[in-house]
């Protein structure tokens, strides 16, 4: 073989090697490109997940004030419910005493009730035709004790009783809804020319408050503190 042919063969081998190296380089670059793309996709997914978590946290945070408001509303409602229960309990005790008194005296109509000083019962006056009868009723309304008083009913009481459309127990409930407290006494009276139930209540501060309830329609005429 001539020297020239040897040179040609050497050049061909070098060219083939260069082509092979170039092919490997391209393959590695493409593989690296795919890995880079995969890394970018992972990064994008992580970013999206983080954004989703942030949005969820934001929604939870924005929901919190609403929850707090609901709790506040429940707390503010509690005193009102408690007050209504207290009114119902006191009014129920008075109504029980009135019913017990009227059931114990045939034809009797209660026109005055006073809480006893010891707070362990009631003194109740009833109109029976043209006379008045007094009884004592236990705090639970279970025991009624007639008293000896059997006085004649005065003319003013007769006239006032004739106008009564709203029973005493309803007037007491109305007064207790107007002024929260405990009943001290209630009786028929006349105020500013109007026949009323005068209901005396001891409020939570220990102050005596008079509530005047119209005997005809049950409206509150006025409140004296």
C-alpha atoms as a PDB file:
ATOM      1  CA  UNK A   1       0.000   0.000   0.000  1.00  0.00           C
ATOM      2  CA  UNK A   2       1.176   3.442  -0.838  1.00  0.00           C
ATOM      3  CA  UNK A   3       1.749   6.159   1.739  1.00  0.00           C
ATOM      4  CA  UNK A   4      -0.957   8.281   0.156  1.00  0.00           C
ATOM      5  CA  UNK A   5      -3.562   5.532   0.632  1.00  0.00           C
ATOM      6  CA  UNK A   6      -2.625   5.180   4.284  1.00  0.00           C
ATOM      7  CA  UNK A   7      -3.247   8.910   4.802  1.00  0.00           C
ATOM      8  CA  UNK A   8      -6.651   8.632   3.176  1.00  0.00           C
ATOM      9  CA  UNK A   9      -7.635   5.745   5.445  1.00  0.00           C
ATOM     10  CA  UNK A  10      -6.489   7.661   8.513  1.00  0.00           C
ATOM     11  CA  UNK A  11      -8.524  10.688   7.554  1.00  0.00           C
ATOM     12  CA  UNK A  12     -11.588   8.519   6.979  1.00  0.00           C
ATOM     13  CA  UNK A  13     -11.239   6.928  10.393  1.00  0.00           C
ATOM     14  CA  UNK A  14     -10.923  10.302  12.025  1.00  0.00           C
ATOM     15  CA  UNK A  15     -14.015  11.547  10.235  1.00  0.00           C
ATOM     16  CA  UNK A  16     -16.002   8.487  11.326  1.00  0.00           C
ATOM     17  CA  UNK A  17     -14.878   9.002  14.941  1.00  0.00           C
ATOM     18  CA  UNK A  18     -15.909  12.644  14.784  1.00  0.00           C
ATOM     19  CA  UNK A  19     -19.357  11.664  13.508  1.00  0.00           C
ATOM     20  CA  UNK A  20     -19.811   9.104  16.293  1.00  0.00           C
ATOM     21  CA  UNK A  21     -18.757  11.633  18.934  1.00  0.00           C
ATOM     22  CA  UNK A  22     -21.154  14.187  17.519  1.00  0.00           C
ATOM     23  CA  UNK A  23     -24.031  11.684  17.680  1.00  0.00           C
ATOM     24  CA  UNK A  24     -23.303  10.863  21.314  1.00  0.00           C
ATOM     25  CA  UNK A  25     -23.165  14.525  22.168  1.00  0.00           C
ATOM     26  CA  UNK A  26     -26.592  15.111  20.589  1.00  0.00           C
ATOM     27  CA  UNK A  27     -28.101  12.136  22.445  1.00  0.00           C
ATOM     28  CA  UNK A  28     -26.765  13.376  25.781  1.00  0.00           C
ATOM     29  CA  UNK A  29     -28.052  16.875  25.141  1.00  0.00           C
ATOM     30  CA  UNK A  30     -31.527  15.591  24.341  1.00  0.00           C
ATOM     31  CA  UNK A  31     -31.563  13.423  27.462  1.00  0.00           C
ATOM     32  CA  UNK A  32     -30.443  16.380  29.535  1.00  0.00           C
ATOM     33  CA  UNK A  33     -33.130  18.474  27.906  1.00  0.00           C
ATOM     34  CA  UNK A  34     -35.794  15.969  28.908  1.00  0.00           C
ATOM     35  CA  UNK A  35     -34.556  15.955  32.504  1.00  0.00           C
ATOM     36  CA  UNK A  36     -34.604  19.733  32.564  1.00  0.00           C
ATOM     37  CA  UNK A  37     -38.153  19.724  31.215  1.00  0.00           C
ATOM     38  CA  UNK A  38     -39.160  17.174  33.867  1.00  0.00           C
ATOM     39  CA  UNK A  39     -37.577  19.339  36.556  1.00  0.00           C
ATOM     40  CA  UNK A  40     -39.464  22.376  35.267  1.00  0.00           C
ATOM     41  CA  UNK A  41     -42.755  20.432  35.335  1.00  0.00           C
ATOM     42  CA  UNK A  42     -42.094  19.333  38.918  1.00  0.00           C
ATOM     43  CA  UNK A  43     -41.268  22.898  39.886  1.00  0.00           C
ATOM     44  CA  UNK A  44     -44.469  24.148  38.227  1.00  0.00           C
ATOM     45  CA  UNK A  45     -46.532  21.494  40.030  1.00  0.00           C
ATOM     46  CA  UNK A  46     -44.957  22.479  43.344  1.00  0.00           C
ATOM     47  CA  UNK A  47     -45.722  26.159  42.666  1.00  0.00           C
ATOM     48  CA  UNK A  48     -49.331  25.316  41.783  1.00  0.00           C
ATOM     49  CA  UNK A  49     -49.705  23.208  44.949  1.00  0.00           C
ATOM     50  CA  UNK A  50     -48.288  26.027  47.084  1.00  0.00           C
ATOM     51  CA  UNK A  51     -50.651  28.527  45.472  1.00  0.00           C
ATOM     52  CA  UNK A  52     -53.605  26.183  46.110  1.00  0.00           C
ATOM     53  CA  UNK A  53     -52.623  25.795  49.758  1.00  0.00           C
ATOM     54  CA  UNK A  54     -52.280  29.571  50.095  1.00  0.00           C
ATOM     55  CA  UNK A  55     -55.747  30.070  48.588  1.00  0.00           C
ATOM     56  CA  UNK A  56     -57.244  27.505  50.976  1.00  0.00           C
ATOM     57  CA  UNK A  57     -55.568  29.207  53.929  1.00  0.00           C
ATOM     58  CA  UNK A  58     -56.923  32.535  52.708  1.00  0.00           C
ATOM     59  CA  UNK A  59     -60.445  31.139  52.491  1.00  0.00           C
ATOM     60  CA  UNK A  60     -60.158  29.714  56.014  1.00  0.00           C
ATOM     61  CA  UNK A  61     -58.878  33.028  57.328  1.00  0.00           C
ATOM     62  CA  UNK A  62     -61.689  34.941  55.650  1.00  0.00           C
ATOM     63  CA  UNK A  63     -64.217  32.472  57.073  1.00  0.00           C
ATOM     64  CA  UNK A  64     -62.992  32.983  60.631  1.00  0.00           C
ATOM     65  CA  UNK A  65     -64.609  36.410  61.189  1.00  0.00           C
ATOM     66  CA  UNK A  66     -67.966  34.940  60.171  1.00  0.00           C
ATOM     67  CA  UNK A  67     -67.525  32.142  62.697  1.00  0.00           C
ATOM     68  CA  UNK A  68     -66.545  34.661  65.352  1.00  0.00           C
ATOM     69  CA  UNK A  69     -69.614  36.732  64.544  1.00  0.00           C
ATOM     70  CA  UNK A  70     -71.842  33.677  64.882  1.00  0.00           C
ATOM     71  CA  UNK A  71     -70.364  32.929  68.290  1.00  0.00           C
ATOM     72  CA  UNK A  72     -70.874  36.560  69.280  1.00  0.00           C
ATOM     73  CA  UNK A  73     -74.481  36.487  68.159  1.00  0.00           C
ATOM     74  CA  UNK A  74     -75.115  33.341  70.225  1.00  0.00           C
ATOM     75  CA  UNK A  75     -73.508  34.961  73.262  1.00  0.00           C
ATOM     76  CA  UNK A  76     -75.575  38.127  72.855  1.00  0.00           C
ATOM     77  CA  UNK A  77     -78.751  36.073  72.505  1.00  0.00           C
ATOM     78  CA  UNK A  78     -78.214  34.206  75.749  1.00  0.00           C
ATOM     79  CA  UNK A  79     -79.128  37.045  78.140  1.00  0.00           C
ATOM     80  CA  UNK A  80     -82.378  37.621  76.276  1.00  0.00           C
ATOM     81  CA  UNK A  81     -83.344  33.947  76.542  1.00  0.00           C
ATOM     82  CA  UNK A  82     -82.398  33.950  80.210  1.00  0.00           C
ATOM     83  CA  UNK A  83     -84.519  37.043  80.868  1.00  0.00           C
ATOM     84  CA  UNK A  84     -87.531  35.491  79.141  1.00  0.00           C
ATOM     85  CA  UNK A  85     -87.173  32.357  81.246  1.00  0.00           C
ATOM     86  CA  UNK A  86     -87.022  34.430  84.414  1.00  0.00           C
ATOM     87  CA  UNK A  87     -90.149  36.390  83.455  1.00  0.00           C
ATOM     88  CA  UNK A  88     -91.956  33.150  82.706  1.00  0.00           C
ATOM     89  CA  UNK A  89     -90.993  31.657  86.055  1.00  0.00           C
ATOM     90  CA  UNK A  90     -92.109  34.673  88.106  1.00  0.00           C
ATOM     91  CA  UNK A  91     -95.312  35.180  86.127  1.00  0.00           C
ATOM     92  CA  UNK A  92     -96.072  31.481  86.427  1.00  0.00           C
ATOM     93  CA  UNK A  93     -95.698  31.581  90.227  1.00  0.00           C
ATOM     94  CA  UNK A  94     -98.085  34.545  90.474  1.00  0.00           C
ATOM     95  CA  UNK A  95    -100.612  32.932  88.136  1.00  0.00           C
ATOM     96  CA  UNK A  96    -100.468  29.735  90.199  1.00  0.00           C
ATOM     97  CA  UNK A  97    -101.267  31.647  93.390  1.00  0.00           C
ATOM     98  CA  UNK A  98    -104.172  33.484  91.747  1.00  0.00           C
ATOM     99  CA  UNK A  99    -105.691  30.310  90.306  1.00  0.00           C
ATOM    100  CA  UNK A 100    -105.322  28.505  93.641  1.00  0.00           C
ATOM    101  CA  UNK A 101    -107.051  31.374  95.487  1.00  0.00           C
ATOM    102  CA  UNK A 102    -109.960  31.579  93.041  1.00  0.00           C
ATOM    103  CA  UNK A 103    -110.463  27.817  93.106  1.00  0.00           C
ATOM    104  CA  UNK A 104    -110.640  27.883  96.905  1.00  0.00           C
ATOM    105  CA  UNK A 105    -113.330  30.595  97.058  1.00  0.00           C
ATOM    106  CA  UNK A 106    -116.476  29.894  95.055  1.00  0.00           C
ATOM    107  CA  UNK A 107    -117.319  32.821  92.754  1.00  0.00           C
ATOM    108  CA  UNK A 108    -114.230  34.727  93.877  1.00  0.00           C
ATOM    109  CA  UNK A 109    -112.272  37.110  91.627  1.00  0.00           C
ATOM    110  CA  UNK A 110    -108.761  38.176  92.686  1.00  0.00           C
ATOM    111  CA  UNK A 111    -108.231  41.927  92.636  1.00  0.00           C
ATOM    112  CA  UNK A 112    -105.139  42.247  94.840  1.00  0.00           C
ATOM    113  CA  UNK A 113    -102.065  40.135  95.597  1.00  0.00           C
ATOM    114  CA  UNK A 114     -99.081  40.842  97.873  1.00  0.00           C
ATOM    115  CA  UNK A 115     -95.915  38.871  98.383  1.00  0.00           C
ATOM    116  CA  UNK A 116     -95.496  38.020 102.085  1.00  0.00           C
ATOM    117  CA  UNK A 117     -92.595  39.731 103.850  1.00  0.00           C
ATOM    118  CA  UNK A 118     -90.688  36.498 104.297  1.00  0.00           C
ATOM    119  CA  UNK A 119     -91.180  35.727 100.611  1.00  0.00           C
ATOM    120  CA  UNK A 120     -92.671  32.334 101.438  1.00  0.00           C
ATOM    121  CA  UNK A 121     -96.141  32.888  99.974  1.00  0.00           C
ATOM    122  CA  UNK A 122     -98.857  35.334  98.992  1.00  0.00           C
ATOM    123  CA  UNK A 123    -101.665  37.320 100.589  1.00  0.00           C
ATOM    124  CA  UNK A 124    -104.574  37.437  98.160  1.00  0.00           C
ATOM    125  CA  UNK A 125    -107.818  39.419  98.206  1.00  0.00           C
ATOM    126  CA  UNK A 126    -110.869  38.293  96.266  1.00  0.00           C
ATOM    127  CA  UNK A 127    -114.184  39.922  95.474  1.00  0.00           C
ATOM    128  CA  UNK A 128    -117.161  37.659  96.210  1.00  0.00           C
ATOM    129  CA  UNK A 129    -120.328  39.458  95.144  1.00  0.00           C
ATOM    130  CA  UNK A 130    -120.373  42.570  97.377  1.00  0.00           C
ATOM    131  CA  UNK A 131    -117.785  41.354  99.879  1.00  0.00           C
ATOM    132  CA  UNK A 132    -114.065  40.706  99.905  1.00  0.00           C
ATOM    133  CA  UNK A 133    -112.334  37.587 101.139  1.00  0.00           C
ATOM    134  CA  UNK A 134    -108.647  37.226 101.976  1.00  0.00           C
ATOM    135  CA  UNK A 135    -106.627  34.028 101.743  1.00  0.00           C
ATOM    136  CA  UNK A 136    -102.978  33.089 102.068  1.00  0.00           C
ATOM    137  CA  UNK A 137    -101.387  30.946  99.401  1.00  0.00           C
ATOM    138  CA  UNK A 138     -98.123  29.041  99.787  1.00  0.00           C
ATOM    139  CA  UNK A 139     -95.207  29.890  97.505  1.00  0.00           C
ATOM    140  CA  UNK A 140     -95.779  26.760  95.414  1.00  0.00           C
ATOM    141  CA  UNK A 141     -99.527  27.437  95.159  1.00  0.00           C
ATOM    142  CA  UNK A 142    -100.405  24.086  96.695  1.00  0.00           C
ATOM    143  CA  UNK A 143    -101.831  25.280 100.022  1.00  0.00           C
ATOM    144  CA  UNK A 144    -104.544  27.906 100.541  1.00  0.00           C
ATOM    145  CA  UNK A 145    -105.453  29.173 104.019  1.00  0.00           C
ATOM    146  CA  UNK A 146    -108.639  31.304 104.383  1.00  0.00           C
ATOM    147  CA  UNK A 147    -108.376  34.349 106.647  1.00  0.00           C
ATOM    148  CA  UNK A 148    -111.086  35.752 108.913  1.00  0.00           C
ATOM    149  CA  UNK A 149    -111.465  39.043 107.040  1.00  0.00           C
ATOM    150  CA  UNK A 150    -114.848  39.305 105.359  1.00  0.00           C
ATOM    151  CA  UNK A 151    -115.220  43.027 104.790  1.00  0.00           C
ATOM    152  CA  UNK A 152    -117.693  44.695 102.476  1.00  0.00           C
ATOM    153  CA  UNK A 153    -116.286  45.542  99.055  1.00  0.00           C
ATOM    154  CA  UNK A 154    -116.083  49.306  98.653  1.00  0.00           C
ATOM    155  CA  UNK A 155    -117.867  51.102  95.827  1.00  0.00           C
ATOM    156  CA  UNK A 156    -114.680  52.099  93.974  1.00  0.00           C
ATOM    157  CA  UNK A 157    -113.461  48.514  93.844  1.00  0.00           C
ATOM    158  CA  UNK A 158    -116.833  47.383  92.506  1.00  0.00           C
ATOM    159  CA  UNK A 159    -116.754  49.959  89.728  1.00  0.00           C
ATOM    160  CA  UNK A 160    -113.170  49.107  88.834  1.00  0.00           C
ATOM    161  CA  UNK A 161    -113.873  45.366  88.786  1.00  0.00           C
ATOM    162  CA  UNK A 162    -116.775  45.934  86.412  1.00  0.00           C
ATOM    163  CA  UNK A 163    -114.319  47.360  83.852  1.00  0.00           C
ATOM    164  CA  UNK A 164    -111.776  44.544  83.988  1.00  0.00           C
ATOM    165  CA  UNK A 165    -111.234  42.785  80.657  1.00  0.00           C
ATOM    166  CA  UNK A 166    -107.610  41.754  81.273  1.00  0.00           C
ATOM    167  CA  UNK A 167    -107.120  39.373  84.227  1.00  0.00           C
ATOM    168  CA  UNK A 168    -104.581  40.206  86.917  1.00  0.00           C
ATOM    169  CA  UNK A 169    -102.189  37.386  85.983  1.00  0.00           C
ATOM    170  CA  UNK A 170    -101.922  38.702  82.399  1.00  0.00           C
ATOM    171  CA  UNK A 171    -101.251  42.221  83.650  1.00  0.00           C
ATOM    172  CA  UNK A 172     -98.484  40.931  85.926  1.00  0.00           C
ATOM    173  CA  UNK A 173     -96.803  39.152  83.008  1.00  0.00           C
ATOM    174  CA  UNK A 174     -96.999  42.325  80.907  1.00  0.00           C
ATOM    175  CA  UNK A 175     -95.439  44.355  83.723  1.00  0.00           C
ATOM    176  CA  UNK A 176     -92.625  41.826  84.212  1.00  0.00           C
ATOM    177  CA  UNK A 177     -91.853  41.965  80.498  1.00  0.00           C
ATOM    178  CA  UNK A 178     -91.631  45.745  80.843  1.00  0.00           C
ATOM    179  CA  UNK A 179     -89.491  45.704  84.010  1.00  0.00           C
ATOM    180  CA  UNK A 180     -87.495  42.595  84.852  1.00  0.00           C
ATOM    181  CA  UNK A 181     -87.576  41.724  88.534  1.00  0.00           C
ATOM    182  CA  UNK A 182     -89.836  40.152  91.155  1.00  0.00           C
ATOM    183  CA  UNK A 183     -93.417  41.015  91.984  1.00  0.00           C
ATOM    184  CA  UNK A 184     -94.023  42.813  95.261  1.00  0.00           C
ATOM    185  CA  UNK A 185     -97.737  43.531  94.839  1.00  0.00           C
ATOM    186  CA  UNK A 186    -100.519  44.181  92.326  1.00  0.00           C
ATOM    187  CA  UNK A 187    -103.937  45.717  92.762  1.00  0.00           C
ATOM    188  CA  UNK A 188    -106.783  47.553  91.062  1.00  0.00           C
ATOM    189  CA  UNK A 189    -106.400  51.334  90.970  1.00  0.00           C
ATOM    190  CA  UNK A 190    -107.188  54.434  88.957  1.00  0.00           C
ATOM    191  CA  UNK A 191    -104.413  56.414  87.263  1.00  0.00           C
ATOM    192  CA  UNK A 192    -105.004  59.594  85.252  1.00  0.00           C
ATOM    193  CA  UNK A 193    -108.701  58.747  85.022  1.00  0.00           C
ATOM    194  CA  UNK A 194    -108.029  55.233  83.687  1.00  0.00           C
ATOM    195  CA  UNK A 195    -108.722  52.021  85.574  1.00  0.00           C
ATOM    196  CA  UNK A 196    -105.479  50.071  85.781  1.00  0.00           C
ATOM    197  CA  UNK A 197    -103.708  47.212  87.410  1.00  0.00           C
ATOM    198  CA  UNK A 198    -100.983  48.846  89.473  1.00  0.00           C
ATOM    199  CA  UNK A 199     -98.110  46.346  89.520  1.00  0.00           C
ATOM    200  CA  UNK A 200     -95.232  46.994  91.922  1.00  0.00           C
ATOM    201  CA  UNK A 201     -91.985  45.283  90.898  1.00  0.00           C
ATOM    202  CA  UNK A 202     -88.637  45.189  92.678  1.00  0.00           C
ATOM    203  CA  UNK A 203     -86.064  45.397  89.881  1.00  0.00           C
ATOM    204  CA  UNK A 204     -82.556  43.912  89.862  1.00  0.00           C
ATOM    205  CA  UNK A 205     -81.133  47.030  91.551  1.00  0.00           C
ATOM    206  CA  UNK A 206     -83.626  46.736  94.414  1.00  0.00           C
ATOM    207  CA  UNK A 207     -85.648  49.717  93.191  1.00  0.00           C
ATOM    208  CA  UNK A 208     -89.418  49.622  93.461  1.00  0.00           C
ATOM    209  CA  UNK A 209     -90.999  50.281  90.057  1.00  0.00           C
ATOM    210  CA  UNK A 210     -94.730  50.786  89.456  1.00  0.00           C
ATOM    211  CA  UNK A 211     -96.108  49.617  86.112  1.00  0.00           C
ATOM    212  CA  UNK A 212     -99.667  50.682  85.255  1.00  0.00           C
ATOM    213  CA  UNK A 213    -101.485  48.268  82.940  1.00  0.00           C
ATOM    214  CA  UNK A 214    -104.803  49.225  81.355  1.00  0.00           C
ATOM    215  CA  UNK A 215    -107.519  46.779  82.543  1.00  0.00           C
ATOM    216  CA  UNK A 216    -109.422  47.186  79.287  1.00  0.00           C
ATOM    217  CA  UNK A 217    -106.780  46.383  76.649  1.00  0.00           C
ATOM    218  CA  UNK A 218    -103.659  45.277  78.564  1.00  0.00           C
ATOM    219  CA  UNK A 219    -101.444  48.120  77.347  1.00  0.00           C
ATOM    220  CA  UNK A 220     -98.864  49.761  79.616  1.00  0.00           C
ATOM    221  CA  UNK A 221    -100.184  53.211  80.553  1.00  0.00           C
ATOM    222  CA  UNK A 222     -96.948  54.357  82.224  1.00  0.00           C
ATOM    223  CA  UNK A 223     -93.994  53.281  84.334  1.00  0.00           C
ATOM    224  CA  UNK A 224     -92.960  55.086  87.543  1.00  0.00           C
ATOM    225  CA  UNK A 225     -89.413  54.490  88.748  1.00  0.00           C
END
